[in-house]
Protein backbone atom coordinates (compact mmCIF):
# COMPACT_ATOMS: atom_id res chain seq x y z
CA MET A 1 99.02 80.71 126.72
CA ALA A 2 95.70 82.46 126.20
CA GLY A 3 95.80 85.97 124.81
CA ALA A 4 99.48 85.84 123.91
CA VAL A 5 100.59 87.55 120.71
CA THR A 6 102.00 85.06 118.28
CA ILE A 7 103.90 85.40 115.02
CA ALA A 8 100.81 84.20 113.18
CA SER A 9 98.72 87.01 114.67
CA VAL A 10 101.13 89.73 113.65
CA ARG A 11 101.48 88.22 110.14
CA THR A 12 97.67 88.55 109.69
CA HIS A 13 98.10 92.29 110.13
CA GLY A 14 100.71 92.44 107.34
CA VAL A 15 103.74 92.72 109.65
CA ARG A 16 106.89 91.27 108.19
CA GLN A 17 109.46 92.36 110.81
CA LEU A 18 109.72 93.10 114.55
CA LEU A 19 111.34 96.16 116.08
CA VAL A 20 113.73 95.13 118.90
CA TYR A 21 114.71 97.62 121.62
CA CYS A 22 117.39 96.80 124.21
CA LEU A 23 116.34 97.41 127.78
CA GLY A 24 119.82 96.77 129.18
CA LYS A 25 122.30 98.98 130.97
CA ARG A 26 125.84 99.91 129.97
CA GLU A 27 128.78 101.00 132.20
CA GLY A 28 127.89 103.65 134.68
CA ASP A 29 124.24 102.51 134.72
CA TRP A 30 123.55 104.22 131.37
CA PRO A 31 120.71 102.75 129.28
CA CYS A 32 121.81 100.95 126.12
CA HIS A 33 119.12 102.18 123.75
CA HIS A 34 120.34 99.85 120.96
CA SER A 35 117.66 98.87 118.54
CA GLY A 36 117.31 96.70 115.47
CA LYS A 37 114.86 94.93 113.17
CA LEU A 38 114.13 91.25 113.14
CA PRO A 39 112.42 89.53 110.16
CA ILE A 40 109.60 87.30 111.32
CA ASP A 41 109.99 84.67 108.56
CA ARG A 42 112.62 82.94 110.68
CA PHE A 43 110.04 82.06 113.34
CA GLN A 44 107.33 79.46 113.51
CA ALA A 45 103.74 80.74 113.38
CA GLU A 46 102.87 79.56 116.88
CA GLU A 47 105.86 81.16 118.56
CA VAL A 48 104.89 83.82 121.19
CA LEU A 49 106.50 87.27 121.09
CA SER A 50 107.20 87.22 124.85
CA ASP A 51 109.20 83.93 124.40
CA ILE A 52 111.17 85.51 121.56
CA GLU A 53 111.88 88.53 123.80
CA ARG A 54 113.54 86.34 126.38
CA ARG A 55 115.88 84.80 123.74
CA CYS A 56 117.07 88.10 122.35
CA ARG A 57 120.57 89.25 123.27
CA CYS A 58 121.83 92.79 122.56
CA THR A 59 124.84 92.85 120.19
CA VAL A 60 126.16 96.05 121.92
CA CYS A 61 125.85 95.47 125.65
CA GLY A 62 125.09 91.75 125.84
CA TRP A 63 121.91 92.07 127.91
CA ARG A 64 119.02 89.64 127.44
CA ARG A 65 116.30 92.21 128.17
CA ALA A 66 114.47 93.33 125.06
CA ASP A 67 111.17 94.87 124.02
CA LEU A 68 109.70 93.49 120.79
CA ARG A 69 107.13 95.36 118.86
CA PRO A 70 105.46 94.74 115.46
CA ASP A 71 106.82 97.05 112.79
CA TYR A 72 103.85 98.74 111.22
CA SER A 73 105.95 101.32 109.31
CA LYS A 74 105.24 99.74 105.87
CA GLN A 75 101.48 99.75 106.54
CA GLN A 76 101.65 103.39 107.70
CA ALA A 77 103.71 104.41 104.64
CA ALA A 78 101.25 102.71 102.30
CA LYS A 79 98.32 104.38 104.12
CA GLN A 80 99.96 107.81 103.82
CA CYS A 81 100.70 107.27 100.10
CA PHE A 82 97.09 106.29 99.57
CA LEU A 83 95.89 109.41 101.44
CA ALA A 84 98.33 111.66 99.65
CA VAL A 85 96.73 111.03 96.23
CA PRO A 86 94.78 114.21 95.42
CA THR A 87 91.17 113.75 94.50
CA PRO A 88 89.47 116.16 92.14
CA ILE A 89 87.19 118.60 93.91
CA LYS A 90 84.01 119.50 92.14
CA HIS A 91 82.86 122.99 93.00
CA ASP A 92 79.16 123.52 92.80
CA TYR A 93 78.21 127.14 93.29
CA GLY A 94 74.52 126.45 92.81
CA GLY A 95 74.28 128.38 89.56
CA CYS A 96 74.88 131.75 91.29
CA LYS A 97 75.41 134.62 88.89
CA ASP A 98 77.00 137.94 89.48
CA ARG A 99 74.02 140.26 90.16
CA ARG A 100 75.86 143.52 90.72
CA ARG A 101 74.12 146.60 89.58
CA ASP A 102 75.93 148.81 87.16
């Protein structure tokens, strides 16, 4: 399957788990909205995300419709920590002196 997202491709981006969102319906046609996290170390590198989606079953409503997304939260948290480190600011006023007249 050309262009399909595989476990190997998400691993190269540092992803270690998938976010799983249920697309099923509960009683009264209400959306389920159940979600969870799925570690990717349980899958083979060549497995395709769309194939894994078809095998997922919601533990709340029992539906087999899921949306899988790579969990980039750890990469974002690391990036934010890196950006949050203050850097010293060097002020250069160009040697200006106070030239007020008395």
